[in-house]
PDB file of N, CA and C in Angstrom:
ATOM      1  N   MET A   1      69.178  66.572 176.526  1.00  0.00           N
ATOM      2  CA  MET A   1      68.005  66.156 177.256  1.00  0.00           C
ATOM      3  C   MET A   1      66.937  67.231 177.121  1.00  0.00           C
ATOM      4  N   GLU A   2      65.751  66.810 176.798  1.00  0.00           N
ATOM      5  CA  GLU A   2      64.636  67.747 176.704  1.00  0.00           C
ATOM      6  C   GLU A   2      63.974  67.903 178.068  1.00  0.00           C
ATOM      7  N   THR A   3      63.369  69.074 178.277  1.00  0.00           N
ATOM      8  CA  THR A   3      62.640  69.305 179.520  1.00  0.00           C
ATOM      9  C   THR A   3      61.259  69.869 179.205  1.00  0.00           C
ATOM     10  N   ARG A   4      60.385  69.768 180.174  1.00  0.00           N
ATOM     11  CA  ARG A   4      59.050  70.357 180.076  1.00  0.00           C
ATOM     12  C   ARG A   4      58.946  71.588 180.973  1.00  0.00           C
ATOM     13  N   ILE A   5      60.090  72.136 181.367  1.00  0.00           N
ATOM     14  CA  ILE A   5      60.087  73.253 182.316  1.00  0.00           C
ATOM     15  C   ILE A   5      59.295  74.438 181.781  1.00  0.00           C
ATOM     16  N   GLN A   6      59.569  74.831 180.553  1.00  0.00           N
ATOM     17  CA  GLN A   6      58.876  75.994 179.995  1.00  0.00           C
ATOM     18  C   GLN A   6      57.370  75.757 179.949  1.00  0.00           C
ATOM     19  N   GLU A   7      56.967  74.595 179.504  1.00  0.00           N
ATOM     20  CA  GLU A   7      55.545  74.248 179.428  1.00  0.00           C
ATOM     21  C   GLU A   7      54.888  74.304 180.811  1.00  0.00           C
ATOM     22  N   LEU A   8      55.529  73.712 181.799  1.00  0.00           N
ATOM     23  CA  LEU A   8      54.977  73.697 183.154  1.00  0.00           C
ATOM     24  C   LEU A   8      54.966  75.093 183.770  1.00  0.00           C
ATOM     25  N   ARG A   9      56.017  75.847 183.505  1.00  0.00           N
ATOM     26  CA  ARG A   9      56.115  77.217 184.038  1.00  0.00           C
ATOM     27  C   ARG A   9      55.011  78.094 183.464  1.00  0.00           C
ATOM     28  N   LYS A  10      54.811  78.010 182.154  1.00  0.00           N
ATOM     29  CA  LYS A  10      53.770  78.831 181.510  1.00  0.00           C
ATOM     30  C   LYS A  10      52.377  78.426 181.954  1.00  0.00           C
ATOM     31  N   ALA A  11      52.177  77.134 182.205  1.00  0.00           N
ATOM     32  CA  ALA A  11      50.870  76.663 182.677  1.00  0.00           C
ATOM     33  C   ALA A  11      50.528  77.266 184.041  1.00  0.00           C
ATOM     34  N   GLN A  12      51.556  77.516 184.850  1.00  0.00           N
ATOM     35  CA  GLN A  12      51.348  78.123 186.166  1.00  0.00           C
ATOM     36  C   GLN A  12      51.466  79.646 186.127  1.00  0.00           C
ATOM     37  N   LYS A  13      51.726  80.179 184.930  1.00  0.00           N
ATOM     38  CA  LYS A  13      51.815  81.628 184.718  1.00  0.00           C
ATOM     39  C   LYS A  13      52.858  82.283 185.623  1.00  0.00           C
ATOM     40  N   ILE A  14      54.053  81.678 185.651  1.00  0.00           N
ATOM     41  CA  ILE A  14      55.152  82.290 186.389  1.00  0.00           C
ATOM     42  C   ILE A  14      56.301  82.574 185.425  1.00  0.00           C
ATOM     43  N   SER A  15      57.034  83.607 185.712  1.00  0.00           N
ATOM     44  CA  SER A  15      58.140  84.015 184.847  1.00  0.00           C
ATOM     45  C   SER A  15      59.380  83.180 185.134  1.00  0.00           C
ATOM     46  N   GLN A  16      60.335  83.290 184.237  1.00  0.00           N
ATOM     47  CA  GLN A  16      61.623  82.620 184.449  1.00  0.00           C
ATOM     48  C   GLN A  16      62.280  83.142 185.716  1.00  0.00           C
ATOM     49  N   ALA A  17      62.195  84.437 185.930  1.00  0.00           N
ATOM     50  CA  ALA A  17      62.807  85.054 187.116  1.00  0.00           C
ATOM     51  C   ALA A  17      62.139  84.553 188.393  1.00  0.00           C
ATOM     52  N   GLU A  18      60.825  84.433 188.390  1.00  0.00           N
ATOM     53  CA  GLU A  18      60.108  83.946 189.573  1.00  0.00           C
ATOM     54  C   GLU A  18      60.494  82.500 189.886  1.00  0.00           C
ATOM     55  N   LEU A  19      60.578  81.671 188.841  1.00  0.00           N
ATOM     56  CA  LEU A  19      60.971  80.281 189.044  1.00  0.00           C
ATOM     57  C   LEU A  19      62.401  80.208 189.578  1.00  0.00           C
ATOM     58  N   ALA A  20      63.283  81.000 188.994  1.00  0.00           N
ATOM     59  CA  ALA A  20      64.679  81.034 189.443  1.00  0.00           C
ATOM     60  C   ALA A  20      64.764  81.405 190.920  1.00  0.00           C
ATOM     61  N   ASP A  21      64.001  82.424 191.329  1.00  0.00           N
ATOM     62  CA  ASP A  21      64.000  82.845 192.734  1.00  0.00           C
ATOM     63  C   ASP A  21      63.530  81.717 193.649  1.00  0.00           C
ATOM     64  N   GLN A  22      62.496  81.018 193.246  1.00  0.00           N
ATOM     65  CA  GLN A  22      61.953  79.922 194.051  1.00  0.00           C
ATOM     66  C   GLN A  22      62.948  78.771 194.203  1.00  0.00           C
ATOM     67  N   LEU A  23      63.766  78.564 193.164  1.00  0.00           N
ATOM     68  CA  LEU A  23      64.709  77.451 193.166  1.00  0.00           C
ATOM     69  C   LEU A  23      66.099  77.830 193.659  1.00  0.00           C
ATOM     70  N   GLY A  24      66.340  79.122 193.826  1.00  0.00           N
ATOM     71  CA  GLY A  24      67.649  79.577 194.289  1.00  0.00           C
ATOM     72  C   GLY A  24      68.721  79.525 193.215  1.00  0.00           C
ATOM     73  N   VAL A  25      68.319  79.746 191.957  1.00  0.00           N
ATOM     74  CA  VAL A  25      69.256  79.784 190.835  1.00  0.00           C
ATOM     75  C   VAL A  25      69.050  81.086 190.077  1.00  0.00           C
ATOM     76  N   THR A  26      69.858  81.316 189.057  1.00  0.00           N
ATOM     77  CA  THR A  26      69.708  82.535 188.265  1.00  0.00           C
ATOM     78  C   THR A  26      68.692  82.322 187.139  1.00  0.00           C
ATOM     79  N   ARG A  27      68.192  83.420 186.637  1.00  0.00           N
ATOM     80  CA  ARG A  27      67.279  83.366 185.490  1.00  0.00           C
ATOM     81  C   ARG A  27      67.977  82.736 184.298  1.00  0.00           C
ATOM     82  N   GLN A  28      69.275  83.005 184.159  1.00  0.00           N
ATOM     83  CA  GLN A  28      70.053  82.438 183.053  1.00  0.00           C
ATOM     84  C   GLN A  28      70.073  80.909 183.117  1.00  0.00           C
ATOM     85  N   THR A  29      70.104  80.362 184.315  1.00  0.00           N
ATOM     86  CA  THR A  29      70.064  78.902 184.474  1.00  0.00           C
ATOM     87  C   THR A  29      68.747  78.354 183.945  1.00  0.00           C
ATOM     88  N   ILE A  30      67.649  79.024 184.267  1.00  0.00           N
ATOM     89  CA  ILE A  30      66.332  78.583 183.786  1.00  0.00           C
ATOM     90  C   ILE A  30      66.276  78.668 182.261  1.00  0.00           C
ATOM     91  N   ILE A  31      66.784  79.754 181.712  1.00  0.00           N
ATOM     92  CA  ILE A  31      66.814  79.913 180.251  1.00  0.00           C
ATOM     93  C   ILE A  31      67.607  78.769 179.618  1.00  0.00           C
ATOM     94  N   SER A  32      68.778  78.480 180.161  1.00  0.00           N
ATOM     95  CA  SER A  32      69.633  77.418 179.621  1.00  0.00           C
ATOM     96  C   SER A  32      68.973  76.046 179.731  1.00  0.00           C
ATOM     97  N   LEU A  33      68.290  75.794 180.834  1.00  0.00           N
ATOM     98  CA  LEU A  33      67.576  74.524 181.000  1.00  0.00           C
ATOM     99  C   LEU A  33      66.462  74.395 179.960  1.00  0.00           C
ATOM    100  N   GLU A  34      65.706  75.469 179.787  1.00  0.00           N
ATOM    101  CA  GLU A  34      64.589  75.434 178.835  1.00  0.00           C
ATOM    102  C   GLU A  34      65.060  75.245 177.400  1.00  0.00           C
ATOM    103  N   LYS A  35      66.221  75.788 177.070  1.00  0.00           N
ATOM    104  CA  LYS A  35      66.742  75.673 175.706  1.00  0.00           C
ATOM    105  C   LYS A  35      67.580  74.424 175.489  1.00  0.00           C
ATOM    106  N   GLY A  36      67.767  73.636 176.552  1.00  0.00           N
ATOM    107  CA  GLY A  36      68.519  72.399 176.437  1.00  0.00           C
ATOM    108  C   GLY A  36      70.025  72.578 176.371  1.00  0.00           C
ATOM    109  N   ARG A  37      70.511  73.735 176.785  1.00  0.00           N
ATOM    110  CA  ARG A  37      71.953  74.006 176.764  1.00  0.00           C
ATOM    111  C   ARG A  37      72.644  73.603 178.064  1.00  0.00           C
ATOM    112  N   TYR A  38      71.844  73.244 179.054  1.00  0.00           N
ATOM    113  CA  TYR A  38      72.394  72.911 180.367  1.00  0.00           C
ATOM    114  C   TYR A  38      71.593  71.762 180.949  1.00  0.00           C
ATOM    115  N   ASN A  39      72.268  70.782 181.500  1.00  0.00           N
ATOM    116  CA  ASN A  39      71.608  69.679 182.188  1.00  0.00           C
ATOM    117  C   ASN A  39      71.662  69.937 183.685  1.00  0.00           C
ATOM    118  N   ALA A  40      70.517  69.851 184.310  1.00  0.00           N
ATOM    119  CA  ALA A  40      70.428  70.118 185.744  1.00  0.00           C
ATOM    120  C   ALA A  40      71.142  69.040 186.547  1.00  0.00           C
ATOM    121  N   SER A  41      71.698  69.450 187.668  1.00  0.00           N
ATOM    122  CA  SER A  41      72.240  68.480 188.620  1.00  0.00           C
ATOM    123  C   SER A  41      71.061  67.695 189.185  1.00  0.00           C
ATOM    124  N   LEU A  42      71.351  66.585 189.801  1.00  0.00           N
ATOM    125  CA  LEU A  42      70.296  65.773 190.399  1.00  0.00           C
ATOM    126  C   LEU A  42      69.524  66.572 191.453  1.00  0.00           C
ATOM    127  N   GLU A  43      70.258  67.346 192.249  1.00  0.00           N
ATOM    128  CA  GLU A  43      69.619  68.163 193.279  1.00  0.00           C
ATOM    129  C   GLU A  43      68.676  69.190 192.664  1.00  0.00           C
ATOM    130  N   LEU A  44      69.120  69.880 191.624  1.00  0.00           N
ATOM    131  CA  LEU A  44      68.284  70.881 190.978  1.00  0.00           C
ATOM    132  C   LEU A  44      67.096  70.221 190.278  1.00  0.00           C
ATOM    133  N   ALA A  45      67.319  69.098 189.635  1.00  0.00           N
ATOM    134  CA  ALA A  45      66.222  68.382 188.975  1.00  0.00           C
ATOM    135  C   ALA A  45      65.154  68.002 189.998  1.00  0.00           C
ATOM    136  N   TYR A  46      65.585  67.548 191.157  1.00  0.00           N
ATOM    137  CA  TYR A  46      64.641  67.199 192.216  1.00  0.00           C
ATOM    138  C   TYR A  46      63.856  68.427 192.672  1.00  0.00           C
ATOM    139  N   LYS A  47      64.551  69.553 192.868  1.00  0.00           N
ATOM    140  CA  LYS A  47      63.873  70.786 193.294  1.00  0.00           C
ATOM    141  C   LYS A  47      62.839  71.238 192.273  1.00  0.00           C
ATOM    142  N   ILE A  48      63.199  71.154 190.994  1.00  0.00           N
ATOM    143  CA  ILE A  48      62.279  71.562 189.927  1.00  0.00           C
ATOM    144  C   ILE A  48      61.052  70.661 189.922  1.00  0.00           C
ATOM    145  N   ALA A  49      61.266  69.360 189.971  1.00  0.00           N
ATOM    146  CA  ALA A  49      60.150  68.412 189.974  1.00  0.00           C
ATOM    147  C   ALA A  49      59.248  68.645 191.183  1.00  0.00           C
ATOM    148  N   LYS A  50      59.863  68.852 192.339  1.00  0.00           N
ATOM    149  CA  LYS A  50      59.089  69.090 193.557  1.00  0.00           C
ATOM    150  C   LYS A  50      58.293  70.391 193.451  1.00  0.00           C
ATOM    151  N   PHE A  51      58.902  71.435 192.878  1.00  0.00           N
ATOM    152  CA  PHE A  51      58.209  72.715 192.717  1.00  0.00           C
ATOM    153  C   PHE A  51      56.935  72.547 191.891  1.00  0.00           C
ATOM    154  N   PHE A  52      57.025  71.750 190.817  1.00  0.00           N
ATOM    155  CA  PHE A  52      55.877  71.543 189.946  1.00  0.00           C
ATOM    156  C   PHE A  52      54.995  70.365 190.392  1.00  0.00           C
ATOM    157  N   ASN A  53      55.357  69.750 191.532  1.00  0.00           N
ATOM    158  CA  ASN A  53      54.610  68.620 192.065  1.00  0.00           C
ATOM    159  C   ASN A  53      54.530  67.474 191.052  1.00  0.00           C
ATOM    160  N   ARG A  54      55.676  67.169 190.456  1.00  0.00           N
ATOM    161  CA  ARG A  54      55.793  66.112 189.440  1.00  0.00           C
ATOM    162  C   ARG A  54      56.945  65.187 189.791  1.00  0.00           C
ATOM    163  N   GLN A  55      56.989  64.060 189.113  1.00  0.00           N
ATOM    164  CA  GLN A  55      58.132  63.167 189.186  1.00  0.00           C
ATOM    165  C   GLN A  55      59.224  63.729 188.273  1.00  0.00           C
ATOM    166  N   ILE A  56      60.477  63.452 188.579  1.00  0.00           N
ATOM    167  CA  ILE A  56      61.583  63.940 187.752  1.00  0.00           C
ATOM    168  C   ILE A  56      61.389  63.502 186.300  1.00  0.00           C
ATOM    169  N   GLU A  57      60.938  62.266 186.103  1.00  0.00           N
ATOM    170  CA  GLU A  57      60.747  61.733 184.751  1.00  0.00           C
ATOM    171  C   GLU A  57      59.663  62.469 183.971  1.00  0.00           C
ATOM    172  N   ASP A  58      58.754  63.159 184.686  1.00  0.00           N
ATOM    173  CA  ASP A  58      57.702  63.932 184.030  1.00  0.00           C
ATOM    174  C   ASP A  58      58.193  65.301 183.578  1.00  0.00           C
ATOM    175  N   VAL A  59      59.305  65.751 184.134  1.00  0.00           N
ATOM    176  CA  VAL A  59      59.859  67.069 183.807  1.00  0.00           C
ATOM    177  C   VAL A  59      61.018  66.952 182.824  1.00  0.00           C
ATOM    178  N   PHE A  60      61.864  65.946 183.048  1.00  0.00           N
ATOM    179  CA  PHE A  60      63.054  65.761 182.215  1.00  0.00           C
ATOM    180  C   PHE A  60      62.865  64.521 181.351  1.00  0.00           C
ATOM    181  N   LEU A  61      62.915  64.709 180.043  1.00  0.00           N
ATOM    182  CA  LEU A  61      62.673  63.627 179.095  1.00  0.00           C
ATOM    183  C   LEU A  61      63.996  63.089 178.596  1.00  0.00           C
ATOM    184  N   PHE A  62      64.384  61.941 179.114  1.00  0.00           N
ATOM    185  CA  PHE A  62      65.680  61.341 178.768  1.00  0.00           C
ATOM    186  C   PHE A  62      65.521  60.412 177.579  1.00  0.00           C
ATOM    187  N   GLU A  63      66.364  60.634 176.571  1.00  0.00           N
ATOM    188  CA  GLU A  63      66.377  59.774 175.392  1.00  0.00           C
ATOM    189  C   GLU A  63      67.772  59.185 175.263  1.00  0.00           C
ATOM    190  N   GLU A  64      67.848  57.871 175.117  1.00  0.00           N
ATOM    191  CA  GLU A  64      69.163  57.225 174.974  1.00  0.00           C
ATOM    192  C   GLU A  64      69.701  57.384 173.584  1.00  0.00           C
TER     193      GLU A  64
END
């Protein structure tokens, strides 16, 4: 699954560590999400979308 996390994070000029702190996860989790090595839980996906004031579908790009 692709994400727009890195794009949205850079647009707001925040670091991976800052985003991780805001979401209550590790920086490594953010790195893994951005590189597509980890799929967020529904709860984490919701937190990320809410942080960026977006819909989940705007952050996580699901392809069948």
